[in-house]
N, C-alpha and C. Protein backbone atom coordinates (compact mmCIF):
# COMPACT_ATOMS: atom_id res chain seq x y z
N UNK A 1 0.84 -1.20 0.00
CA UNK A 1 0.00 0.00 0.00
C UNK A 1 0.87 1.25 0.00
N UNK A 2 0.48 2.19 -0.82
CA UNK A 2 1.25 3.43 -0.95
C UNK A 2 0.96 4.38 0.20
N UNK A 3 2.00 4.97 0.74
CA UNK A 3 1.82 6.00 1.77
C UNK A 3 1.66 7.34 1.06
N UNK A 4 0.48 7.89 1.17
CA UNK A 4 0.22 9.16 0.49
C UNK A 4 0.89 10.31 1.24
N UNK A 5 1.13 11.41 0.52
CA UNK A 5 1.72 12.58 1.16
C UNK A 5 0.80 13.13 2.24
N UNK A 6 -0.51 12.97 2.00
CA UNK A 6 -1.50 13.44 2.96
C UNK A 6 -1.39 12.66 4.27
N UNK A 7 -1.25 11.35 4.15
CA UNK A 7 -1.08 10.50 5.33
C UNK A 7 0.21 10.83 6.06
N UNK A 8 1.27 11.03 5.29
CA UNK A 8 2.55 11.40 5.88
C UNK A 8 2.44 12.71 6.63
N UNK A 9 1.74 13.67 6.04
CA UNK A 9 1.55 14.98 6.65
C UNK A 9 0.80 14.86 7.99
N UNK A 10 -0.26 14.08 7.99
CA UNK A 10 -1.04 13.88 9.22
C UNK A 10 -0.20 13.22 10.30
N UNK A 11 0.59 12.23 9.89
CA UNK A 11 1.46 11.53 10.84
C UNK A 11 2.47 12.49 11.44
N UNK A 12 3.07 13.33 10.59
CA UNK A 12 4.07 14.28 11.06
C UNK A 12 3.45 15.31 12.00
N UNK A 13 2.23 15.74 11.70
CA UNK A 13 1.54 16.68 12.58
C UNK A 13 1.29 16.05 13.94
N UNK A 14 0.86 14.81 13.92
CA UNK A 14 0.57 14.10 15.17
C UNK A 14 1.83 13.91 16.00
N UNK A 15 2.92 13.62 15.31
CA UNK A 15 4.19 13.40 16.01
C UNK A 15 4.97 14.70 16.21
N UNK A 16 4.39 15.78 15.78
CA UNK A 16 5.02 17.12 15.85
C UNK A 16 6.39 17.14 15.16
N UNK A 17 6.42 16.58 13.97
CA UNK A 17 7.64 16.59 13.16
C UNK A 17 7.45 17.64 12.07
N UNK A 18 8.28 18.66 12.08
CA UNK A 18 8.09 19.74 11.12
C UNK A 18 9.13 19.73 10.00
N UNK A 19 10.25 19.06 10.23
CA UNK A 19 11.30 19.02 9.21
C UNK A 19 11.05 17.90 8.21
N UNK A 20 11.70 17.98 7.07
CA UNK A 20 11.46 17.03 5.99
C UNK A 20 12.57 16.01 5.81
N UNK A 21 13.61 16.10 6.62
CA UNK A 21 14.76 15.22 6.41
C UNK A 21 14.45 13.76 6.64
N UNK A 22 13.40 13.48 7.41
CA UNK A 22 13.05 12.10 7.73
C UNK A 22 11.93 11.54 6.85
N UNK A 23 11.46 12.31 5.88
CA UNK A 23 10.29 11.90 5.10
C UNK A 23 10.39 10.50 4.51
N UNK A 24 11.51 10.20 3.88
CA UNK A 24 11.64 8.88 3.25
C UNK A 24 11.65 7.76 4.28
N UNK A 25 12.31 8.01 5.41
CA UNK A 25 12.32 7.02 6.49
C UNK A 25 10.93 6.84 7.08
N UNK A 26 10.23 7.94 7.28
CA UNK A 26 8.88 7.87 7.83
C UNK A 26 7.94 7.15 6.89
N UNK A 27 8.09 7.43 5.59
CA UNK A 27 7.25 6.75 4.60
C UNK A 27 7.47 5.25 4.64
N UNK A 28 8.72 4.85 4.77
CA UNK A 28 9.05 3.43 4.83
C UNK A 28 8.45 2.80 6.09
N UNK A 29 8.60 3.50 7.20
CA UNK A 29 8.04 3.03 8.47
C UNK A 29 6.52 2.89 8.38
N UNK A 30 5.88 3.90 7.83
CA UNK A 30 4.42 3.87 7.70
C UNK A 30 3.96 2.77 6.75
N UNK A 31 4.72 2.56 5.69
CA UNK A 31 4.31 1.52 4.73
C UNK A 31 4.36 0.14 5.37
N UNK A 32 5.30 -0.07 6.29
CA UNK A 32 5.33 -1.35 7.02
C UNK A 32 4.16 -1.46 7.98
N UNK A 33 3.83 -0.35 8.64
CA UNK A 33 2.78 -0.40 9.66
C UNK A 33 1.38 -0.56 9.08
N UNK A 34 1.19 -0.17 7.81
CA UNK A 34 -0.14 -0.31 7.21
C UNK A 34 -0.22 -1.47 6.23
N UNK A 35 0.89 -2.15 6.03
CA UNK A 35 0.88 -3.30 5.11
C UNK A 35 0.13 -4.47 5.73
N UNK A 36 -0.59 -5.17 4.90
CA UNK A 36 -1.33 -6.35 5.39
C UNK A 36 -0.45 -7.58 5.32
C-alpha cells in the first residue's frame, strides 16, 4: 500500500515533526505499519 503525502503529513503533525529530512524514512516506516 502506498503511503500518500497526505497520510505522511497527518502523521508528522501528530508526532510534531516539522522538518522534511526524515520523510523517506517515515514513509518506509508507515508503509510497514499499514501493510497487510
